[in-house]
Amino acid sequence: MGTSCVSWRAEGGGATRAGASLTQERWLEALHKALDVARLDNKKLAQSLEQVVLANSTLQANLDRARDQPLNTISQRETELAEARTEIGRWFWNLESMKLQIRKERDSVKRLSQREISELRKALGLVI
C-alpha cells in the first residue's frame, strides 16, 4: 500500500522514491549523530557525578570521624566541623549544578530530536 502511494506521488509531484529515501537517511543520520553526542555527554556527566558522589562520601566519612574523635579543645572541633560543613556544602551545590546541567542537556537533546522527528514526519508526509 505504501509503495503505491509513493509511486503515485512520484509520478504526480515530480518527487522520486530515491530522493525521499535520501532525505529520510539524512534526517536519521542527524538524529543518530545528536543521540550519540547526547550519550557521550551523559556518560561524561555521569562520570563527573560519580566523582562528586565519591568525594561527598569521603567528606561525610571524615565528618563522621571528626564527630566521633575526641579533640583537644572544643574550638578545634568547631573549626574542623565548620570546614567540613563548608566543603560538603560546596560539593552539594556542585552536584546540584551538575544535575541541572544534565537535565538541561537532556531536555535540549529531547526537544531537538522531537523537532527533527516532526520535520521528518512532515517531509515524509509530503512524499507519501
PDB file of N, CA and C in Angstrom:
ATOM      1  N   MET A   1       0.824  -1.187   0.000  1.00  0.00           N
ATOM      2  CA  MET A   1       0.000   0.000   0.000  1.00  0.00           C
ATOM      3  C   MET A   1       0.872   1.257   0.000  1.00  0.00           C
ATOM      4  N   GLY A   2       1.922   1.284   0.840  1.00  0.00           N
ATOM      5  CA  GLY A   2       2.821   2.434   0.898  1.00  0.00           C
ATOM      6  C   GLY A   2       3.577   2.641  -0.395  1.00  0.00           C
ATOM      7  N   THR A   3       3.916   1.552  -1.080  1.00  0.00           N
ATOM      8  CA  THR A   3       4.670   1.656  -2.320  1.00  0.00           C
ATOM      9  C   THR A   3       3.827   2.326  -3.396  1.00  0.00           C
ATOM     10  N   SER A   4       2.556   1.975  -3.470  1.00  0.00           N
ATOM     11  CA  SER A   4       1.702   2.565  -4.490  1.00  0.00           C
ATOM     12  C   SER A   4       1.535   4.064  -4.249  1.00  0.00           C
ATOM     13  N   CYS A   5       1.455   4.477  -2.986  1.00  0.00           N
ATOM     14  CA  CYS A   5       1.326   5.906  -2.670  1.00  0.00           C
ATOM     15  C   CYS A   5       2.573   6.656  -3.102  1.00  0.00           C
ATOM     16  N   VAL A   6       3.739   6.060  -2.815  1.00  0.00           N
ATOM     17  CA  VAL A   6       4.994   6.713  -3.183  1.00  0.00           C
ATOM     18  C   VAL A   6       5.091   6.795  -4.701  1.00  0.00           C
ATOM     19  N   SER A   7       4.738   5.715  -5.381  1.00  0.00           N
ATOM     20  CA  SER A   7       4.810   5.713  -6.839  1.00  0.00           C
ATOM     21  C   SER A   7       3.855   6.757  -7.414  1.00  0.00           C
ATOM     22  N   TRP A   8       2.656   6.839  -6.878  1.00  0.00           N
ATOM     23  CA  TRP A   8       1.679   7.800  -7.374  1.00  0.00           C
ATOM     24  C   TRP A   8       2.167   9.226  -7.175  1.00  0.00           C
ATOM     25  N   ARG A   9       2.699   9.513  -5.956  1.00  0.00           N
ATOM     26  CA  ARG A   9       3.202  10.852  -5.661  1.00  0.00           C
ATOM     27  C   ARG A   9       4.393  11.179  -6.536  1.00  0.00           C
ATOM     28  N   ALA A  10       5.236  10.178  -6.765  1.00  0.00           N
ATOM     29  CA  ALA A  10       6.431  10.403  -7.575  1.00  0.00           C
ATOM     30  C   ALA A  10       6.030  10.799  -8.990  1.00  0.00           C
ATOM     31  N   GLU A  11       4.987  10.172  -9.509  1.00  0.00           N
ATOM     32  CA  GLU A  11       4.566  10.489 -10.868  1.00  0.00           C
ATOM     33  C   GLU A  11       3.914  11.867 -10.913  1.00  0.00           C
ATOM     34  N   GLY A  12       3.076  12.165  -9.923  1.00  0.00           N
ATOM     35  CA  GLY A  12       2.320  13.404  -9.960  1.00  0.00           C
ATOM     36  C   GLY A  12       3.101  14.615  -9.485  1.00  0.00           C
ATOM     37  N   GLY A  13       3.932  14.478  -8.488  1.00  0.00           N
ATOM     38  CA  GLY A  13       4.593  15.630  -7.903  1.00  0.00           C
ATOM     39  C   GLY A  13       6.028  15.801  -8.338  1.00  0.00           C
ATOM     40  N   GLY A  14       6.572  14.910  -9.062  1.00  0.00           N
ATOM     41  CA  GLY A  14       7.947  15.044  -9.520  1.00  0.00           C
ATOM     42  C   GLY A  14       8.960  14.537  -8.518  1.00  0.00           C
ATOM     43  N   ALA A  15       8.535  14.090  -7.316  1.00  0.00           N
ATOM     44  CA  ALA A  15       9.468  13.572  -6.313  1.00  0.00           C
ATOM     45  C   ALA A  15       9.860  12.155  -6.691  1.00  0.00           C
ATOM     46  N   THR A  16      10.993  11.729  -6.264  1.00  0.00           N
ATOM     47  CA  THR A  16      11.423  10.359  -6.542  1.00  0.00           C
ATOM     48  C   THR A  16      11.537   9.600  -5.246  1.00  0.00           C
ATOM     49  N   ARG A  17      11.354   8.306  -5.363  1.00  0.00           N
ATOM     50  CA  ARG A  17      11.476   7.457  -4.184  1.00  0.00           C
ATOM     51  C   ARG A  17      12.903   7.542  -3.629  1.00  0.00           C
ATOM     52  N   ALA A  18      13.866   7.595  -4.523  1.00  0.00           N
ATOM     53  CA  ALA A  18      15.267   7.686  -4.092  1.00  0.00           C
ATOM     54  C   ALA A  18      15.521   8.990  -3.351  1.00  0.00           C
ATOM     55  N   GLY A  19      14.920  10.079  -3.814  1.00  0.00           N
ATOM     56  CA  GLY A  19      15.092  11.378  -3.153  1.00  0.00           C
ATOM     57  C   GLY A  19      14.490  11.376  -1.766  1.00  0.00           C
ATOM     58  N   ALA A  20      13.312  10.769  -1.637  1.00  0.00           N
ATOM     59  CA  ALA A  20      12.676  10.677  -0.319  1.00  0.00           C
ATOM     60  C   ALA A  20      13.510   9.825   0.608  1.00  0.00           C
ATOM     61  N   SER A  21      14.041   8.744   0.073  1.00  0.00           N
ATOM     62  CA  SER A  21      14.870   7.852   0.885  1.00  0.00           C
ATOM     63  C   SER A  21      16.140   8.557   1.339  1.00  0.00           C
ATOM     64  N   LEU A  22      16.712   9.344   0.420  1.00  0.00           N
ATOM     65  CA  LEU A  22      17.935  10.084   0.765  1.00  0.00           C
ATOM     66  C   LEU A  22      17.647  11.122   1.849  1.00  0.00           C
ATOM     67  N   THR A  23      16.517  11.822   1.726  1.00  0.00           N
ATOM     68  CA  THR A  23      16.142  12.813   2.732  1.00  0.00           C
ATOM     69  C   THR A  23      15.932  12.141   4.082  1.00  0.00           C
ATOM     70  N   GLN A  24      15.247  11.013   4.042  1.00  0.00           N
ATOM     71  CA  GLN A  24      14.994  10.276   5.284  1.00  0.00           C
ATOM     72  C   GLN A  24      16.314   9.807   5.888  1.00  0.00           C
ATOM     73  N   GLU A  25      17.230   9.342   5.073  1.00  0.00           N
ATOM     74  CA  GLU A  25      18.540   8.891   5.572  1.00  0.00           C
ATOM     75  C   GLU A  25      19.305  10.049   6.213  1.00  0.00           C
ATOM     76  N   ARG A  26      19.228  11.223   5.593  1.00  0.00           N
ATOM     77  CA  ARG A  26      19.924  12.400   6.162  1.00  0.00           C
ATOM     78  C   ARG A  26      19.342  12.758   7.523  1.00  0.00           C
ATOM     79  N   TRP A  27      18.011  12.730   7.610  1.00  0.00           N
ATOM     80  CA  TRP A  27      17.367  13.034   8.889  1.00  0.00           C
ATOM     81  C   TRP A  27      17.751  12.003   9.940  1.00  0.00           C
ATOM     82  N   LEU A  28      17.739  10.760   9.553  1.00  0.00           N
ATOM     83  CA  LEU A  28      18.091   9.704  10.502  1.00  0.00           C
ATOM     84  C   LEU A  28      19.547   9.817  10.927  1.00  0.00           C
ATOM     85  N   GLU A  29      20.433  10.167   9.983  1.00  0.00           N
ATOM     86  CA  GLU A  29      21.846  10.368  10.338  1.00  0.00           C
ATOM     87  C   GLU A  29      21.990  11.510  11.340  1.00  0.00           C
ATOM     88  N   ALA A  30      21.260  12.596  11.093  1.00  0.00           N
ATOM     89  CA  ALA A  30      21.315  13.735  12.021  1.00  0.00           C
ATOM     90  C   ALA A  30      20.794  13.336  13.391  1.00  0.00           C
ATOM     91  N   LEU A  31      19.711  12.575  13.417  1.00  0.00           N
ATOM     92  CA  LEU A  31      19.161  12.124  14.695  1.00  0.00           C
ATOM     93  C   LEU A  31      20.130  11.199  15.416  1.00  0.00           C
ATOM     94  N   HIS A  32      20.730  10.283  14.668  1.00  0.00           N
ATOM     95  CA  HIS A  32      21.699   9.373  15.286  1.00  0.00           C
ATOM     96  C   HIS A  32      22.919  10.133  15.814  1.00  0.00           C
ATOM     97  N   LYS A  33      23.372  11.114  15.052  1.00  0.00           N
ATOM     98  CA  LYS A  33      24.524  11.907  15.489  1.00  0.00           C
ATOM     99  C   LYS A  33      24.192  12.664  16.775  1.00  0.00           C
ATOM    100  N   ALA A  34      23.010  13.291  16.815  1.00  0.00           N
ATOM    101  CA  ALA A  34      22.584  14.026  18.018  1.00  0.00           C
ATOM    102  C   ALA A  34      22.462  13.083  19.201  1.00  0.00           C
ATOM    103  N   LEU A  35      21.936  11.900  18.959  1.00  0.00           N
ATOM    104  CA  LEU A  35      21.793  10.913  20.025  1.00  0.00           C
ATOM    105  C   LEU A  35      23.156  10.450  20.531  1.00  0.00           C
ATOM    106  N   ASP A  36      24.103  10.227  19.619  1.00  0.00           N
ATOM    107  CA  ASP A  36      25.449   9.814  20.020  1.00  0.00           C
ATOM    108  C   ASP A  36      26.135  10.893  20.852  1.00  0.00           C
ATOM    109  N   VAL A  37      25.973  12.137  20.435  1.00  0.00           N
ATOM    110  CA  VAL A  37      26.566  13.255  21.187  1.00  0.00           C
ATOM    111  C   VAL A  37      25.942  13.339  22.573  1.00  0.00           C
ATOM    112  N   ALA A  38      24.626  13.190  22.639  1.00  0.00           N
ATOM    113  CA  ALA A  38      23.934  13.241  23.934  1.00  0.00           C
ATOM    114  C   ALA A  38      24.391  12.096  24.833  1.00  0.00           C
ATOM    115  N   ARG A  39      24.548  10.917  24.259  1.00  0.00           N
ATOM    116  CA  ARG A  39      25.006   9.776  25.066  1.00  0.00           C
ATOM    117  C   ARG A  39      26.409  10.011  25.601  1.00  0.00           C
ATOM    118  N   LEU A  40      27.294  10.549  24.755  1.00  0.00           N
ATOM    119  CA  LEU A  40      28.659  10.819  25.199  1.00  0.00           C
ATOM    120  C   LEU A  40      28.660  11.872  26.310  1.00  0.00           C
ATOM    121  N   ASP A  41      27.870  12.938  26.112  1.00  0.00           N
ATOM    122  CA  ASP A  41      27.780  13.975  27.143  1.00  0.00           C
ATOM    123  C   ASP A  41      27.233  13.407  28.447  1.00  0.00           C
ATOM    124  N   ASN A  42      26.195  12.598  28.346  1.00  0.00           N
ATOM    125  CA  ASN A  42      25.618  11.993  29.548  1.00  0.00           C
ATOM    126  C   ASN A  42      26.630  11.094  30.247  1.00  0.00           C
ATOM    127  N   LYS A  43      27.426  10.369  29.461  1.00  0.00           N
ATOM    128  CA  LYS A  43      28.437   9.489  30.052  1.00  0.00           C
ATOM    129  C   LYS A  43      29.476  10.317  30.811  1.00  0.00           C
ATOM    130  N   LYS A  44      29.924  11.412  30.190  1.00  0.00           N
ATOM    131  CA  LYS A  44      30.906  12.284  30.848  1.00  0.00           C
ATOM    132  C   LYS A  44      30.320  12.890  32.129  1.00  0.00           C
ATOM    133  N   LEU A  45      29.079  13.349  32.040  1.00  0.00           N
ATOM    134  CA  LEU A  45      28.446  13.938  33.219  1.00  0.00           C
ATOM    135  C   LEU A  45      28.228  12.898  34.309  1.00  0.00           C
ATOM    136  N   ALA A  46      27.888  11.687  33.909  1.00  0.00           N
ATOM    137  CA  ALA A  46      27.702  10.614  34.892  1.00  0.00           C
ATOM    138  C   ALA A  46      29.019  10.316  35.604  1.00  0.00           C
ATOM    139  N   GLN A  47      30.122  10.334  34.856  1.00  0.00           N
ATOM    140  CA  GLN A  47      31.428  10.105  35.477  1.00  0.00           C
ATOM    141  C   GLN A  47      31.749  11.226  36.459  1.00  0.00           C
ATOM    142  N   SER A  48      31.454  12.454  36.057  1.00  0.00           N
ATOM    143  CA  SER A  48      31.688  13.587  36.958  1.00  0.00           C
ATOM    144  C   SER A  48      30.824  13.477  38.204  1.00  0.00           C
ATOM    145  N   LEU A  49      29.582  13.084  38.017  1.00  0.00           N
ATOM    146  CA  LEU A  49      28.692  12.901  39.159  1.00  0.00           C
ATOM    147  C   LEU A  49      29.210  11.816  40.093  1.00  0.00           C
ATOM    148  N   GLU A  50      29.727  10.743  39.523  1.00  0.00           N
ATOM    149  CA  GLU A  50      30.293   9.675  40.353  1.00  0.00           C
ATOM    150  C   GLU A  50      31.461  10.191  41.185  1.00  0.00           C
ATOM    151  N   GLN A  51      32.295  11.025  40.573  1.00  0.00           N
ATOM    152  CA  GLN A  51      33.419  11.604  41.313  1.00  0.00           C
ATOM    153  C   GLN A  51      32.927  12.491  42.444  1.00  0.00           C
ATOM    154  N   VAL A  52      31.912  13.286  42.162  1.00  0.00           N
ATOM    155  CA  VAL A  52      31.366  14.181  43.186  1.00  0.00           C
ATOM    156  C   VAL A  52      30.742  13.371  44.317  1.00  0.00           C
ATOM    157  N   VAL A  53      29.999  12.334  43.964  1.00  0.00           N
ATOM    158  CA  VAL A  53      29.367  11.492  44.983  1.00  0.00           C
ATOM    159  C   VAL A  53      30.434  10.805  45.835  1.00  0.00           C
ATOM    160  N   LEU A  54      31.500  10.321  45.191  1.00  0.00           N
ATOM    161  CA  LEU A  54      32.590   9.687  45.937  1.00  0.00           C
ATOM    162  C   LEU A  54      33.256  10.692  46.875  1.00  0.00           C
ATOM    163  N   ALA A  55      33.517  11.890  46.362  1.00  0.00           N
ATOM    164  CA  ALA A  55      34.123  12.923  47.203  1.00  0.00           C
ATOM    165  C   ALA A  55      33.197  13.283  48.360  1.00  0.00           C
ATOM    166  N   ASN A  56      31.909  13.382  48.071  1.00  0.00           N
ATOM    167  CA  ASN A  56      30.942  13.695  49.116  1.00  0.00           C
ATOM    168  C   ASN A  56      30.930  12.594  50.179  1.00  0.00           C
ATOM    169  N   SER A  57      30.991  11.343  49.741  1.00  0.00           N
ATOM    170  CA  SER A  57      31.017  10.219  50.668  1.00  0.00           C
ATOM    171  C   SER A  57      32.261  10.274  51.551  1.00  0.00           C
ATOM    172  N   THR A  58      33.389  10.575  50.935  1.00  0.00           N
ATOM    173  CA  THR A  58      34.643  10.693  51.691  1.00  0.00           C
ATOM    174  C   THR A  58      34.550  11.814  52.714  1.00  0.00           C
ATOM    175  N   LEU A  59      34.015  12.937  52.280  1.00  0.00           N
ATOM    176  CA  LEU A  59      33.864  14.069  53.201  1.00  0.00           C
ATOM    177  C   LEU A  59      32.897  13.745  54.334  1.00  0.00           C
ATOM    178  N   GLN A  60      31.831  13.041  53.995  1.00  0.00           N
ATOM    179  CA  GLN A  60      30.875  12.647  55.035  1.00  0.00           C
ATOM    180  C   GLN A  60      31.541  11.718  56.036  1.00  0.00           C
ATOM    181  N   ALA A  61      32.365  10.781  55.530  1.00  0.00           N
ATOM    182  CA  ALA A  61      33.093   9.872  56.421  1.00  0.00           C
ATOM    183  C   ALA A  61      34.048  10.664  57.315  1.00  0.00           C
ATOM    184  N   ASN A  62      34.713  11.647  56.723  1.00  0.00           N
ATOM    185  CA  ASN A  62      35.620  12.495  57.516  1.00  0.00           C
ATOM    186  C   ASN A  62      34.847  13.269  58.578  1.00  0.00           C
ATOM    187  N   LEU A  63      33.694  13.755  58.190  1.00  0.00           N
ATOM    188  CA  LEU A  63      32.862  14.487  59.143  1.00  0.00           C
ATOM    189  C   LEU A  63      32.415  13.566  60.281  1.00  0.00           C
ATOM    190  N   ASP A  64      31.980  12.360  59.918  1.00  0.00           N
ATOM    191  CA  ASP A  64      31.563  11.397  60.940  1.00  0.00           C
ATOM    192  C   ASP A  64      32.724  11.056  61.872  1.00  0.00           C
ATOM    193  N   ARG A  65      33.902  10.866  61.264  1.00  0.00           N
ATOM    194  CA  ARG A  65      35.093  10.553  62.071  1.00  0.00           C
ATOM    195  C   ARG A  65      35.423  11.723  63.005  1.00  0.00           C
ATOM    196  N   ALA A  66      35.295  12.941  62.484  1.00  0.00           N
ATOM    197  CA  ALA A  66      35.581  14.121  63.301  1.00  0.00           C
ATOM    198  C   ALA A  66      34.598  14.225  64.472  1.00  0.00           C
ATOM    199  N   ARG A  67      33.370  13.810  64.233  1.00  0.00           N
ATOM    200  CA  ARG A  67      32.381  13.842  65.312  1.00  0.00           C
ATOM    201  C   ARG A  67      32.695  12.813  66.397  1.00  0.00           C
ATOM    202  N   ASP A  68      33.223  11.664  65.963  1.00  0.00           N
ATOM    203  CA  ASP A  68      33.499  10.582  66.914  1.00  0.00           C
ATOM    204  C   ASP A  68      34.833  10.743  67.643  1.00  0.00           C
ATOM    205  N   GLN A  69      35.735  11.455  67.039  1.00  0.00           N
ATOM    206  CA  GLN A  69      37.089  11.577  67.579  1.00  0.00           C
ATOM    207  C   GLN A  69      37.134  12.645  68.673  1.00  0.00           C
ATOM    208  N   PRO A  70      37.669  12.268  69.804  1.00  0.00           N
ATOM    209  CA  PRO A  70      37.820  13.310  70.834  1.00  0.00           C
ATOM    210  C   PRO A  70      38.918  14.306  70.426  1.00  0.00           C
ATOM    211  N   LEU A  71      38.594  15.561  70.500  1.00  0.00           N
ATOM    212  CA  LEU A  71      39.556  16.598  70.127  1.00  0.00           C
ATOM    213  C   LEU A  71      40.097  17.267  71.392  1.00  0.00           C
ATOM    214  N   ASN A  72      41.238  17.880  71.227  1.00  0.00           N
ATOM    215  CA  ASN A  72      41.877  18.516  72.383  1.00  0.00           C
ATOM    216  C   ASN A  72      41.018  19.634  72.950  1.00  0.00           C
ATOM    217  N   THR A  73      40.462  20.417  72.074  1.00  0.00           N
ATOM    218  CA  THR A  73      39.634  21.515  72.577  1.00  0.00           C
ATOM    219  C   THR A  73      38.350  21.614  71.757  1.00  0.00           C
ATOM    220  N   ILE A  74      37.372  22.215  72.345  1.00  0.00           N
ATOM    221  CA  ILE A  74      36.090  22.399  71.672  1.00  0.00           C
ATOM    222  C   ILE A  74      36.257  23.318  70.465  1.00  0.00           C
ATOM    223  N   SER A  75      37.094  24.312  70.577  1.00  0.00           N
ATOM    224  CA  SER A  75      37.270  25.249  69.455  1.00  0.00           C
ATOM    225  C   SER A  75      37.889  24.552  68.239  1.00  0.00           C
ATOM    226  N   GLN A  76      38.816  23.619  68.466  1.00  0.00           N
ATOM    227  CA  GLN A  76      39.397  22.858  67.359  1.00  0.00           C
ATOM    228  C   GLN A  76      38.308  22.056  66.647  1.00  0.00           C
ATOM    229  N   ARG A  77      37.491  21.418  67.422  1.00  0.00           N
ATOM    230  CA  ARG A  77      36.421  20.600  66.857  1.00  0.00           C
ATOM    231  C   ARG A  77      35.437  21.470  66.072  1.00  0.00           C
ATOM    232  N   GLU A  78      35.083  22.609  66.626  1.00  0.00           N
ATOM    233  CA  GLU A  78      34.157  23.501  65.937  1.00  0.00           C
ATOM    234  C   GLU A  78      34.748  24.003  64.620  1.00  0.00           C
ATOM    235  N   THR A  79      36.029  24.288  64.627  1.00  0.00           N
ATOM    236  CA  THR A  79      36.695  24.752  63.407  1.00  0.00           C
ATOM    237  C   THR A  79      36.687  23.660  62.343  1.00  0.00           C
ATOM    238  N   GLU A  80      37.059  22.448  62.714  1.00  0.00           N
ATOM    239  CA  GLU A  80      37.079  21.339  61.760  1.00  0.00           C
ATOM    240  C   GLU A  80      35.671  21.038  61.236  1.00  0.00           C
ATOM    241  N   LEU A  81      34.715  21.090  62.112  1.00  0.00           N
ATOM    242  CA  LEU A  81      33.340  20.828  61.720  1.00  0.00           C
ATOM    243  C   LEU A  81      32.835  21.899  60.748  1.00  0.00           C
ATOM    244  N   ALA A  82      33.159  23.145  61.025  1.00  0.00           N
ATOM    245  CA  ALA A  82      32.747  24.241  60.134  1.00  0.00           C
ATOM    246  C   ALA A  82      33.391  24.081  58.761  1.00  0.00           C
ATOM    247  N   GLU A  83      34.652  23.706  58.725  1.00  0.00           N
ATOM    248  CA  GLU A  83      35.341  23.481  57.450  1.00  0.00           C
ATOM    249  C   GLU A  83      34.702  22.321  56.683  1.00  0.00           C
ATOM    250  N   ALA A  84      34.411  21.253  57.387  1.00  0.00           N
ATOM    251  CA  ALA A  84      33.790  20.094  56.740  1.00  0.00           C
ATOM    252  C   ALA A  84      32.401  20.452  56.204  1.00  0.00           C
ATOM    253  N   ARG A  85      31.635  21.196  56.981  1.00  0.00           N
ATOM    254  CA  ARG A  85      30.299  21.598  56.527  1.00  0.00           C
ATOM    255  C   ARG A  85      30.391  22.501  55.294  1.00  0.00           C
ATOM    256  N   THR A  86      31.343  23.397  55.318  1.00  0.00           N
ATOM    257  CA  THR A  86      31.538  24.286  54.173  1.00  0.00           C
ATOM    258  C   THR A  86      31.892  23.486  52.924  1.00  0.00           C
ATOM    259  N   GLU A  87      32.793  22.536  53.078  1.00  0.00           N
ATOM    260  CA  GLU A  87      33.210  21.721  51.939  1.00  0.00           C
ATOM    261  C   GLU A  87      32.065  20.829  51.442  1.00  0.00           C
ATOM    262  N   ILE A  88      31.311  20.263  52.370  1.00  0.00           N
ATOM    263  CA  ILE A  88      30.145  19.457  51.982  1.00  0.00           C
ATOM    264  C   ILE A  88      29.141  20.334  51.247  1.00  0.00           C
ATOM    265  N   GLY A  89      28.950  21.537  51.710  1.00  0.00           N
ATOM    266  CA  GLY A  89      28.041  22.467  51.038  1.00  0.00           C
ATOM    267  C   GLY A  89      28.495  22.772  49.616  1.00  0.00           C
ATOM    268  N   ARG A  90      29.785  22.980  49.447  1.00  0.00           N
ATOM    269  CA  ARG A  90      30.323  23.228  48.105  1.00  0.00           C
ATOM    270  C   ARG A  90      30.064  22.030  47.196  1.00  0.00           C
ATOM    271  N   TRP A  91      30.353  20.844  47.704  1.00  0.00           N
ATOM    272  CA  TRP A  91      30.145  19.629  46.889  1.00  0.00           C
ATOM    273  C   TRP A  91      28.659  19.423  46.600  1.00  0.00           C
ATOM    274  N   PHE A  92      27.825  19.728  47.574  1.00  0.00           N
ATOM    275  CA  PHE A  92      26.389  19.595  47.353  1.00  0.00           C
ATOM    276  C   PHE A  92      25.941  20.495  46.206  1.00  0.00           C
ATOM    277  N   TRP A  93      26.387  21.751  46.199  1.00  0.00           N
ATOM    278  CA  TRP A  93      25.971  22.664  45.139  1.00  0.00           C
ATOM    279  C   TRP A  93      26.601  22.286  43.805  1.00  0.00           C
ATOM    280  N   ASN A  94      27.812  21.761  43.833  1.00  0.00           N
ATOM    281  CA  ASN A  94      28.413  21.252  42.586  1.00  0.00           C
ATOM    282  C   ASN A  94      27.560  20.121  42.026  1.00  0.00           C
ATOM    283  N   LEU A  95      27.127  19.215  42.888  1.00  0.00           N
ATOM    284  CA  LEU A  95      26.293  18.091  42.477  1.00  0.00           C
ATOM    285  C   LEU A  95      24.961  18.591  41.925  1.00  0.00           C
ATOM    286  N   GLU A  96      24.339  19.544  42.613  1.00  0.00           N
ATOM    287  CA  GLU A  96      23.073  20.096  42.145  1.00  0.00           C
ATOM    288  C   GLU A  96      23.241  20.783  40.797  1.00  0.00           C
ATOM    289  N   SER A  97      24.337  21.493  40.646  1.00  0.00           N
ATOM    290  CA  SER A  97      24.620  22.169  39.381  1.00  0.00           C
ATOM    291  C   SER A  97      24.780  21.162  38.248  1.00  0.00           C
ATOM    292  N   MET A  98      25.477  20.078  38.520  1.00  0.00           N
ATOM    293  CA  MET A  98      25.663  19.043  37.500  1.00  0.00           C
ATOM    294  C   MET A  98      24.334  18.372  37.152  1.00  0.00           C
ATOM    295  N   LYS A  99      23.515  18.125  38.161  1.00  0.00           N
ATOM    296  CA  LYS A  99      22.190  17.542  37.896  1.00  0.00           C
ATOM    297  C   LYS A  99      21.382  18.466  36.988  1.00  0.00           C
ATOM    298  N   LEU A 100      21.422  19.762  37.292  1.00  0.00           N
ATOM    299  CA  LEU A 100      20.693  20.735  36.482  1.00  0.00           C
ATOM    300  C   LEU A 100      21.240  20.758  35.061  1.00  0.00           C
ATOM    301  N   GLN A 101      22.556  20.715  34.934  1.00  0.00           N
ATOM    302  CA  GLN A 101      23.181  20.710  33.614  1.00  0.00           C
ATOM    303  C   GLN A 101      22.766  19.471  32.820  1.00  0.00           C
ATOM    304  N   ILE A 102      22.767  18.325  33.469  1.00  0.00           N
ATOM    305  CA  ILE A 102      22.346  17.088  32.795  1.00  0.00           C
ATOM    306  C   ILE A 102      20.897  17.211  32.357  1.00  0.00           C
ATOM    307  N   ARG A 103      20.055  17.720  33.237  1.00  0.00           N
ATOM    308  CA  ARG A 103      18.633  17.863  32.928  1.00  0.00           C
ATOM    309  C   ARG A 103      18.440  18.802  31.733  1.00  0.00           C
ATOM    310  N   LYS A 104      19.168  19.932  31.723  1.00  0.00           N
ATOM    311  CA  LYS A 104      19.048  20.892  30.628  1.00  0.00           C
ATOM    312  C   LYS A 104      19.519  20.277  29.315  1.00  0.00           C
ATOM    313  N   GLU A 105      20.646  19.586  29.356  1.00  0.00           N
ATOM    314  CA  GLU A 105      21.166  18.965  28.138  1.00  0.00           C
ATOM    315  C   GLU A 105      20.228  17.869  27.639  1.00  0.00           C
ATOM    316  N   ARG A 106      19.703  17.073  28.544  1.00  0.00           N
ATOM    317  CA  ARG A 106      18.777  16.011  28.155  1.00  0.00           C
ATOM    318  C   ARG A 106      17.524  16.629  27.526  1.00  0.00           C
ATOM    319  N   ASP A 107      16.991  17.689  28.140  1.00  0.00           N
ATOM    320  CA  ASP A 107      15.800  18.343  27.602  1.00  0.00           C
ATOM    321  C   ASP A 107      16.087  18.973  26.243  1.00  0.00           C
ATOM    322  N   SER A 108      17.255  19.563  26.100  1.00  0.00           N
ATOM    323  CA  SER A 108      17.636  20.182  24.841  1.00  0.00           C
ATOM    324  C   SER A 108      17.728  19.142  23.730  1.00  0.00           C
ATOM    325  N   VAL A 109      18.380  18.039  24.017  1.00  0.00           N
ATOM    326  CA  VAL A 109      18.509  16.975  23.023  1.00  0.00           C
ATOM    327  C   VAL A 109      17.135  16.393  22.707  1.00  0.00           C
ATOM    328  N   LYS A 110      16.302  16.266  23.724  1.00  0.00           N
ATOM    329  CA  LYS A 110      14.959  15.734  23.517  1.00  0.00           C
ATOM    330  C   LYS A 110      14.154  16.664  22.614  1.00  0.00           C
ATOM    331  N   ARG A 111      14.205  17.973  22.890  1.00  0.00           N
ATOM    332  CA  ARG A 111      13.480  18.931  22.055  1.00  0.00           C
ATOM    333  C   ARG A 111      14.001  18.898  20.618  1.00  0.00           C
ATOM    334  N   LEU A 112      15.313  18.862  20.461  1.00  0.00           N
ATOM    335  CA  LEU A 112      15.906  18.817  19.131  1.00  0.00           C
ATOM    336  C   LEU A 112      15.470  17.562  18.392  1.00  0.00           C
ATOM    337  N   SER A 113      15.520  16.439  19.069  1.00  0.00           N
ATOM    338  CA  SER A 113      15.104  15.181  18.443  1.00  0.00           C
ATOM    339  C   SER A 113      13.629  15.228  18.063  1.00  0.00           C
ATOM    340  N   GLN A 114      12.800  15.753  18.950  1.00  0.00           N
ATOM    341  CA  GLN A 114      11.369  15.842  18.661  1.00  0.00           C
ATOM    342  C   GLN A 114      11.112  16.764  17.474  1.00  0.00           C
ATOM    343  N   ARG A 115      11.847  17.864  17.417  1.00  0.00           N
ATOM    344  CA  ARG A 115      11.692  18.798  16.309  1.00  0.00           C
ATOM    345  C   ARG A 115      12.112  18.131  15.000  1.00  0.00           C
ATOM    346  N   GLU A 116      13.232  17.427  15.027  1.00  0.00           N
ATOM    347  CA  GLU A 116      13.711  16.757  13.826  1.00  0.00           C
ATOM    348  C   GLU A 116      12.768  15.631  13.407  1.00  0.00           C
ATOM    349  N   ILE A 117      12.255  14.922  14.367  1.00  0.00           N
ATOM    350  CA  ILE A 117      11.292  13.860  14.050  1.00  0.00           C
ATOM    351  C   ILE A 117      10.030  14.470  13.444  1.00  0.00           C
ATOM    352  N   SER A 118       9.573  15.580  13.998  1.00  0.00           N
ATOM    353  CA  SER A 118       8.391  16.254  13.472  1.00  0.00           C
ATOM    354  C   SER A 118       8.638  16.726  12.039  1.00  0.00           C
ATOM    355  N   GLU A 119       9.801  17.300  11.807  1.00  0.00           N
ATOM    356  CA  GLU A 119      10.131  17.755  10.459  1.00  0.00           C
ATOM    357  C   GLU A 119      10.251  16.573   9.503  1.00  0.00           C
ATOM    358  N   LEU A 120      10.811  15.491   9.980  1.00  0.00           N
ATOM    359  CA  LEU A 120      10.927  14.289   9.158  1.00  0.00           C
ATOM    360  C   LEU A 120       9.552  13.747   8.817  1.00  0.00           C
ATOM    361  N   ARG A 121       8.669  13.734   9.805  1.00  0.00           N
ATOM    362  CA  ARG A 121       7.306  13.264   9.556  1.00  0.00           C
ATOM    363  C   ARG A 121       6.605  14.156   8.532  1.00  0.00           C
ATOM    364  N   LYS A 122       6.800  15.474   8.661  1.00  0.00           N
ATOM    365  CA  LYS A 122       6.199  16.386   7.695  1.00  0.00           C
ATOM    366  C   LYS A 122       6.773  16.121   6.309  1.00  0.00           C
ATOM    367  N   ALA A 123       8.094  15.953   6.242  1.00  0.00           N
ATOM    368  CA  ALA A 123       8.743  15.692   4.958  1.00  0.00           C
ATOM    369  C   ALA A 123       8.253  14.369   4.372  1.00  0.00           C
ATOM    370  N   LEU A 124       8.130  13.380   5.192  1.00  0.00           N
ATOM    371  CA  LEU A 124       7.645  12.095   4.712  1.00  0.00           C
ATOM    372  C   LEU A 124       6.173  12.174   4.333  1.00  0.00           C
ATOM    373  N   GLY A 125       5.435  12.990   5.031  1.00  0.00           N
ATOM    374  CA  GLY A 125       4.014  13.176   4.717  1.00  0.00           C
ATOM    375  C   GLY A 125       3.828  13.795   3.354  1.00  0.00           C
ATOM    376  N   LEU A 126       4.739  14.665   2.937  1.00  0.00           N
ATOM    377  CA  LEU A 126       4.670  15.287   1.627  1.00  0.00           C
ATOM    378  C   LEU A 126       5.023  14.291   0.532  1.00  0.00           C
ATOM    379  N   VAL A 127       5.874  13.328   0.852  1.00  0.00           N
ATOM    380  CA  VAL A 127       6.346  12.376  -0.134  1.00  0.00           C
ATOM    381  C   VAL A 127       5.362  11.224  -0.291  1.00  0.00           C
ATOM    382  N   ILE A 128       4.822  10.779   0.813  1.00  0.00           N
ATOM    383  CA  ILE A 128       3.963   9.581   0.785  1.00  0.00           C
ATOM    384  C   ILE A 128       2.626   9.852   0.174  1.00  0.00           C
TER     385      ILE A 128
END
